[in-house]
C-alpha atoms as a PDB file:
ATOM      1  CA  MET A   1       0.211   0.381   0.041  1.00  0.00           C
ATOM      2  CA  THR A   2       1.983   3.544  -1.185  1.00  0.00           C
ATOM      3  CA  GLN A   3       1.811   6.363   1.437  1.00  0.00           C
ATOM      4  CA  ARG A   4      -1.000   8.971   0.956  1.00  0.00           C
ATOM      5  CA  PRO A   5       1.323  12.335   0.173  1.00  0.00           C
ATOM      6  CA  GLU A   6       0.963  14.821   2.874  1.00  0.00           C
ATOM      7  CA  ARG A   7      -2.299  17.493   2.373  1.00  0.00           C
ATOM      8  CA  ALA A   8      -0.237  21.002   2.420  1.00  0.00           C
ATOM      9  CA  ASP A   9      -2.047  22.185   5.462  1.00  0.00           C
ATOM     10  CA  ALA A  10      -0.427  19.621   7.345  1.00  0.00           C
ATOM     11  CA  LEU A  11       2.690  20.748   5.628  1.00  0.00           C
ATOM     12  CA  ARG A  12       2.830  23.774   6.574  1.00  0.00           C
ATOM     13  CA  ASN A  13       1.525  23.108  10.235  1.00  0.00           C
ATOM     14  CA  ARG A  14       4.354  21.022  10.597  1.00  0.00           C
ATOM     15  CA  GLU A  15       6.931  24.105   8.760  1.00  0.00           C
ATOM     16  CA  ALA A  16       5.993  26.711  11.554  1.00  0.00           C
ATOM     17  CA  VAL A  17       5.605  24.314  14.596  1.00  0.00           C
ATOM     18  CA  LEU A  18       9.348  22.995  13.707  1.00  0.00           C
ATOM     19  CA  ALA A  19      10.435  26.469  13.487  1.00  0.00           C
ATOM     20  CA  ALA A  20       9.159  28.179  16.277  1.00  0.00           C
ATOM     21  CA  ALA A  21      10.389  25.296  18.144  1.00  0.00           C
ATOM     22  CA  ASP A  22      13.605  25.968  16.421  1.00  0.00           C
ATOM     23  CA  ALA A  23      13.186  30.112  17.394  1.00  0.00           C
ATOM     24  CA  LEU A  24      12.246  29.403  20.896  1.00  0.00           C
ATOM     25  CA  PHE A  25      14.788  27.229  21.842  1.00  0.00           C
ATOM     26  CA  ALA A  26      17.893  29.724  19.936  1.00  0.00           C
ATOM     27  CA  THR A  27      15.992  32.133  22.274  1.00  0.00           C
ATOM     28  CA  SER A  28      15.246  30.837  25.152  1.00  0.00           C
ATOM     29  CA  GLY A  29      16.909  31.154  28.376  1.00  0.00           C
ATOM     30  CA  SER A  30      17.246  28.255  29.482  1.00  0.00           C
ATOM     31  CA  PRO A  31      16.098  24.738  27.912  1.00  0.00           C
ATOM     32  CA  HIS A  32      13.226  23.897  30.078  1.00  0.00           C
ATOM     33  CA  SER A  33      11.389  27.233  29.778  1.00  0.00           C
ATOM     34  CA  VAL A  34       9.965  26.652  26.766  1.00  0.00           C
ATOM     35  CA  SER A  35       7.288  24.489  26.748  1.00  0.00           C
ATOM     36  CA  MET A  36       4.476  23.028  24.038  1.00  0.00           C
ATOM     37  CA  ASP A  37       1.930  25.171  24.552  1.00  0.00           C
ATOM     38  CA  ASP A  38       4.831  28.344  23.566  1.00  0.00           C
ATOM     39  CA  ILE A  39       5.361  26.051  20.734  1.00  0.00           C
ATOM     40  CA  ALA A  40       1.730  26.438  19.967  1.00  0.00           C
ATOM     41  CA  ALA A  41       1.206  29.546  20.590  1.00  0.00           C
ATOM     42  CA  ALA A  42       3.774  31.479  18.535  1.00  0.00           C
ATOM     43  CA  ALA A  43       3.602  28.227  15.727  1.00  0.00           C
ATOM     44  CA  GLY A  44      -0.801  29.100  15.788  1.00  0.00           C
ATOM     45  CA  VAL A  45      -1.515  25.658  16.254  1.00  0.00           C
ATOM     46  CA  GLY A  46      -3.648  23.951  18.566  1.00  0.00           C
ATOM     47  CA  LYS A  47      -1.401  21.818  21.563  1.00  0.00           C
ATOM     48  CA  GLY A  48      -3.569  18.641  20.207  1.00  0.00           C
ATOM     49  CA  THR A  49      -1.868  19.180  16.794  1.00  0.00           C
ATOM     50  CA  LEU A  50       2.175  19.078  18.107  1.00  0.00           C
ATOM     51  CA  PHE A  51       0.927  15.776  20.815  1.00  0.00           C
ATOM     52  CA  ARG A  52      -1.159  14.199  17.558  1.00  0.00           C
ATOM     53  CA  ARG A  53       2.122  15.103  15.306  1.00  0.00           C
ATOM     54  CA  PHE A  54       4.977  14.380  17.228  1.00  0.00           C
ATOM     55  CA  GLY A  55       3.484  12.415  20.082  1.00  0.00           C
ATOM     56  CA  ASP A  56       5.249  14.107  22.977  1.00  0.00           C
ATOM     57  CA  ARG A  57       7.891  16.916  23.743  1.00  0.00           C
ATOM     58  CA  ALA A  58      10.938  14.449  23.158  1.00  0.00           C
ATOM     59  CA  GLY A  59       8.905  13.452  20.019  1.00  0.00           C
ATOM     60  CA  LEU A  60       9.328  17.931  18.476  1.00  0.00           C
ATOM     61  CA  ILE A  61      12.441  17.915  19.771  1.00  0.00           C
ATOM     62  CA  GLY A  62      13.889  15.014  17.716  1.00  0.00           C
ATOM     63  CA  ALA A  63      12.180  16.161  15.007  1.00  0.00           C
ATOM     64  CA  VAL A  64      14.058  19.667  15.046  1.00  0.00           C
ATOM     65  CA  ILE A  65      16.875  18.634  15.540  1.00  0.00           C
ATOM     66  CA  ALA A  66      16.693  16.847  12.691  1.00  0.00           C
ATOM     67  CA  SER A  67      15.188  19.056  10.134  1.00  0.00           C
ATOM     68  CA  ARG A  68      18.555  21.330  11.609  1.00  0.00           C
ATOM     69  CA  LEU A  69      21.705  18.448  11.200  1.00  0.00           C
ATOM     70  CA  GLU A  70      20.890  17.184   7.646  1.00  0.00           C
ATOM     71  CA  PRO A  71      22.404  20.577   5.836  1.00  0.00           C
ATOM     72  CA  LEU A  72      25.157  19.989   8.430  1.00  0.00           C
ATOM     73  CA  ARG A  73      25.115  15.825   7.564  1.00  0.00           C
ATOM     74  CA  HIS A  74      25.001  16.672   3.924  1.00  0.00           C
ATOM     75  CA  ALA A  75      28.714  18.674   3.770  1.00  0.00           C
ATOM     76  CA  VAL A  76      30.019  16.182   6.570  1.00  0.00           C
ATOM     77  CA  ARG A  77      29.661  14.102   3.251  1.00  0.00           C
ATOM     78  CA  GLU A  78      30.321  16.014   0.949  1.00  0.00           C
ATOM     79  CA  ALA A  79      33.789  16.941   2.863  1.00  0.00           C
ATOM     80  CA  GLN A  80      34.316  13.228   2.756  1.00  0.00           C
ATOM     81  CA  GLU A  81      33.368  12.668  -0.353  1.00  0.00           C
ATOM     82  CA  ALA A  82      36.664  15.182  -1.696  1.00  0.00           C
ATOM     83  CA  ALA A  83      40.412  14.020  -1.710  1.00  0.00           C
ATOM     84  CA  GLY A  84      43.416  15.481  -0.193  1.00  0.00           C
ATOM     85  CA  SER A  85      43.051  15.238   3.541  1.00  0.00           C
ATOM     86  CA  SER A  86      43.845  12.515   5.840  1.00  0.00           C
ATOM     87  CA  ALA A  87      41.759  10.813   8.303  1.00  0.00           C
ATOM     88  CA  HIS A  88      43.909  12.835  11.671  1.00  0.00           C
ATOM     89  CA  ARG A  89      42.341  15.405  10.450  1.00  0.00           C
ATOM     90  CA  ARG A  90      39.000  14.679   8.673  1.00  0.00           C
ATOM     91  CA  VAL A  91      37.772  13.647  12.509  1.00  0.00           C
ATOM     92  CA  ARG A  92      39.611  16.858  13.498  1.00  0.00           C
ATOM     93  CA  GLU A  93      37.012  18.929  11.030  1.00  0.00           C
ATOM     94  CA  LEU A  94      33.903  15.962  11.937  1.00  0.00           C
ATOM     95  CA  LEU A  95      34.332  16.994  16.189  1.00  0.00           C
ATOM     96  CA  ASP A  96      34.645  20.084  14.760  1.00  0.00           C
ATOM     97  CA  ALA A  97      31.328  20.480  13.091  1.00  0.00           C
ATOM     98  CA  LEU A  98      29.580  19.215  15.227  1.00  0.00           C
ATOM     99  CA  LEU A  99      31.080  20.882  17.860  1.00  0.00           C
ATOM    100  CA  SER A 100      30.082  24.395  16.297  1.00  0.00           C
ATOM    101  CA  PHE A 101      26.488  23.530  15.888  1.00  0.00           C
ATOM    102  CA  LYS A 102      26.381  22.198  19.562  1.00  0.00           C
ATOM    103  CA  ILE A 103      27.810  25.993  20.710  1.00  0.00           C
ATOM    104  CA  ASP A 104      25.105  27.365  17.821  1.00  0.00           C
ATOM    105  CA  ASN A 105      22.184  24.936  19.327  1.00  0.00           C
ATOM    106  CA  ARG A 106      23.240  24.051  22.730  1.00  0.00           C
ATOM    107  CA  ASN A 107      19.336  24.863  24.120  1.00  0.00           C
ATOM    108  CA  LEU A 108      17.978  22.969  21.926  1.00  0.00           C
ATOM    109  CA  MET A 109      20.870  19.344  22.352  1.00  0.00           C
ATOM    110  CA  SER A 110      20.007  20.495  26.212  1.00  0.00           C
ATOM    111  CA  ALA A 111      16.548  20.139  25.885  1.00  0.00           C
ATOM    112  CA  ALA A 112      17.212  16.503  23.968  1.00  0.00           C
ATOM    113  CA  GLU A 113      19.912  15.505  26.221  1.00  0.00           C
ATOM    114  CA  ASP A 114      17.151  16.092  29.224  1.00  0.00           C
ATOM    115  CA  ALA A 115      14.114  14.106  27.269  1.00  0.00           C
ATOM    116  CA  GLY A 116      16.022  11.024  26.647  1.00  0.00           C
ATOM    117  CA  LEU A 117      16.893  11.638  23.019  1.00  0.00           C
ATOM    118  CA  SER A 118      20.129  11.790  23.870  1.00  0.00           C
ATOM    119  CA  SER A 119      20.985   9.597  26.237  1.00  0.00           C
ATOM    120  CA  PRO A 120      22.774  10.651  24.632  1.00  0.00           C
ATOM    121  CA  TYR A 121      23.312   6.780  22.919  1.00  0.00           C
ATOM    122  CA  GLN A 122      19.702   6.425  21.605  1.00  0.00           C
ATOM    123  CA  ALA A 123      19.110   8.916  20.102  1.00  0.00           C
ATOM    124  CA  ASP A 124      19.296   8.849  15.949  1.00  0.00           C
ATOM    125  CA  HIS A 125      21.532  11.876  14.579  1.00  0.00           C
ATOM    126  CA  TYR A 126      23.999   9.940  18.244  1.00  0.00           C
ATOM    127  CA  GLY A 127      24.348   6.815  16.768  1.00  0.00           C
ATOM    128  CA  TRP A 128      25.606   8.552  12.717  1.00  0.00           C
ATOM    129  CA  TRP A 129      28.086  10.403  14.265  1.00  0.00           C
ATOM    130  CA  HIS A 130      29.569   7.950  16.325  1.00  0.00           C
ATOM    131  CA  ASP A 131      29.393   5.687  13.315  1.00  0.00           C
ATOM    132  CA  THR A 132      30.417   8.046  10.943  1.00  0.00           C
ATOM    133  CA  LEU A 133      33.463   8.787  13.483  1.00  0.00           C
ATOM    134  CA  ARG A 134      34.552   4.659  14.066  1.00  0.00           C
ATOM    135  CA  SER A 135      35.302   4.999   9.860  1.00  0.00           C
ATOM    136  CA  GLU A 136      37.703   7.290  10.161  1.00  0.00           C
ATOM    137  CA  LEU A 137      38.805   6.507  13.729  1.00  0.00           C
ATOM    138  CA  ALA A 138      39.563   3.002  12.555  1.00  0.00           C
ATOM    139  CA  GLU A 139      41.393   4.603   9.374  1.00  0.00           C
ATOM    140  CA  VAL A 140      43.750   6.666  11.892  1.00  0.00           C
ATOM    141  CA  PRO A 141      46.965   4.693  12.888  1.00  0.00           C
ATOM    142  CA  GLY A 142      47.399   3.713  16.188  1.00  0.00           C
ATOM    143  CA  VAL A 143      43.773   4.430  16.438  1.00  0.00           C
ATOM    144  CA  HIS A 144      43.012   0.254  18.293  1.00  0.00           C
ATOM    145  CA  HIS A 145      39.708   0.602  19.276  1.00  0.00           C
ATOM    146  CA  ALA A 146      37.986   2.909  16.941  1.00  0.00           C
ATOM    147  CA  ASP A 147      34.716   2.127  18.314  1.00  0.00           C
ATOM    148  CA  PHE A 148      34.809   3.411  22.132  1.00  0.00           C
ATOM    149  CA  THR A 149      37.816   6.260  20.932  1.00  0.00           C
ATOM    150  CA  ALA A 150      34.542   7.826  19.488  1.00  0.00           C
ATOM    151  CA  HIS A 151      32.783   7.891  21.626  1.00  0.00           C
ATOM    152  CA  ALA A 152      35.255   9.269  23.910  1.00  0.00           C
ATOM    153  CA  LEU A 153      34.988  11.692  21.932  1.00  0.00           C
ATOM    154  CA  LEU A 154      32.107  12.323  21.505  1.00  0.00           C
ATOM    155  CA  ALA A 155      31.664  12.814  25.649  1.00  0.00           C
ATOM    156  CA  ALA A 156      33.633  16.158  25.141  1.00  0.00           C
ATOM    157  CA  VAL A 157      31.663  18.020  22.762  1.00  0.00           C
ATOM    158  CA  ARG A 158      28.238  16.879  25.023  1.00  0.00           C
ATOM    159  CA  ALA A 159      25.927  19.621  24.356  1.00  0.00           C
ATOM    160  CA  ASP A 160      25.244  19.841  28.410  1.00  0.00           C
ATOM    161  CA  LEU A 161      29.104  20.119  28.655  1.00  0.00           C
ATOM    162  CA  VAL A 162      29.587  23.332  26.401  1.00  0.00           C
ATOM    163  CA  ALA A 163      27.015  24.282  27.259  1.00  0.00           C
ATOM    164  CA  HIS A 164      28.581  24.088  30.727  1.00  0.00           C
ATOM    165  CA  LEU A 165      31.389  26.382  29.112  1.00  0.00           C
ATOM    166  CA  ILE A 166      30.268  28.640  26.861  1.00  0.00           C
ATOM    167  CA  ASP A 167      27.167  30.428  29.242  1.00  0.00           C
ATOM    168  CA  ARG A 168      28.907  29.091  32.439  1.00  0.00           C
ATOM    169  CA  GLN A 169      32.370  29.678  32.531  1.00  0.00           C
ATOM    170  CA  GLN A 170      32.222  32.659  29.700  1.00  0.00           C
ATOM    171  CA  MET A 171      34.879  30.121  27.685  1.00  0.00           C
ATOM    172  CA  THR A 172      34.308  32.089  24.598  1.00  0.00           C
ATOM    173  CA  PRO A 173      33.664  29.675  21.090  1.00  0.00           C
ATOM    174  CA  ALA A 174      37.068  30.444  19.044  1.00  0.00           C
ATOM    175  CA  ASP A 175      39.149  28.686  22.424  1.00  0.00           C
ATOM    176  CA  LEU A 176      36.631  26.151  22.968  1.00  0.00           C
ATOM    177  CA  ARG A 177      36.962  25.287  19.405  1.00  0.00           C
ATOM    178  CA  ALA A 178      40.663  25.595  19.801  1.00  0.00           C
ATOM    179  CA  ALA A 179      40.773  23.460  22.978  1.00  0.00           C
ATOM    180  CA  LEU A 180      38.693  20.539  21.382  1.00  0.00           C
ATOM    181  CA  ALA A 181      41.367  20.319  18.417  1.00  0.00           C
ATOM    182  CA  ALA A 182      44.208  20.462  20.677  1.00  0.00           C
ATOM    183  CA  HIS A 183      42.437  17.074  23.041  1.00  0.00           C
ATOM    184  CA  VAL A 184      41.546  14.987  19.540  1.00  0.00           C
ATOM    185  CA  ASP A 185      46.043  15.591  19.005  1.00  0.00           C
ATOM    186  CA  SER A 186      46.732  14.485  22.288  1.00  0.00           C
ATOM    187  CA  VAL A 187      43.856  11.757  22.092  1.00  0.00           C
ATOM    188  CA  LEU A 188      45.722  10.650  18.098  1.00  0.00           C
ATOM    189  CA  GLY A 189      48.617  12.404  18.208  1.00  0.00           C
ATOM    190  CA  THR A 190      49.927  15.238  16.799  1.00  0.00           C
ATOM    191  CA  GLY A 191      50.447  13.793  13.616  1.00  0.00           C
ATOM    192  CA  THR A 192      52.581  15.554  10.063  1.00  0.00           C
ATOM    193  CA  GLY A 193      52.676  18.058   8.384  1.00  0.00           C
ATOM    194  CA  THR A 194      50.218  20.998   7.845  1.00  0.00           C
ATOM    195  CA  ASP A 195      47.722  18.373   8.681  1.00  0.00           C
ATOM    196  CA  THR A 196      48.029  18.804  12.192  1.00  0.00           C
ATOM    197  CA  GLY A 197      46.513  23.308  12.167  1.00  0.00           C
ATOM    198  CA  THR A 198      43.350  23.789  13.899  1.00  0.00           C
ATOM    199  CA  PRO A 199      40.701  23.303  11.311  1.00  0.00           C
END
């Protein structure tokens, strides 16, 4: 049985809800302060529409994250297909891209972690990042357990840690990115030549 195409009004409502939720998380002072009522009101839909469409707050947050991550995933796939960089550098660039995303979306990603979407290991987006990073780490000389190393490196860019360092300890995004690059190099070794530069 073929799936019926989504009605135009339903699609508009979905996009309005995702846009409203995205904007509210981006401007809120805390991930806890954004409620389903707030999102429904900002999107101009009934609260019941949110629950019918997304199931619960966690489902809605997951849909917002998926919509924000897709362009980044596309860019990562394109970068992986480009020739000329070592696996070590690709690992650094992958983590730098993810960290930059977490910095820009730290309220949204913290809300996901609070909702259990990023327990972090059951979330689809975590699984994708882990698999992508693990495949690159498997090509880095000296890395003997790519699966564990991928988990350990991803722990350094958890949203709650990023939010703490940026919002509580007043660390600048540039300093945080430099610290992550240095951490990756300390885990993997510094590499050789120009490949050791910060992404």
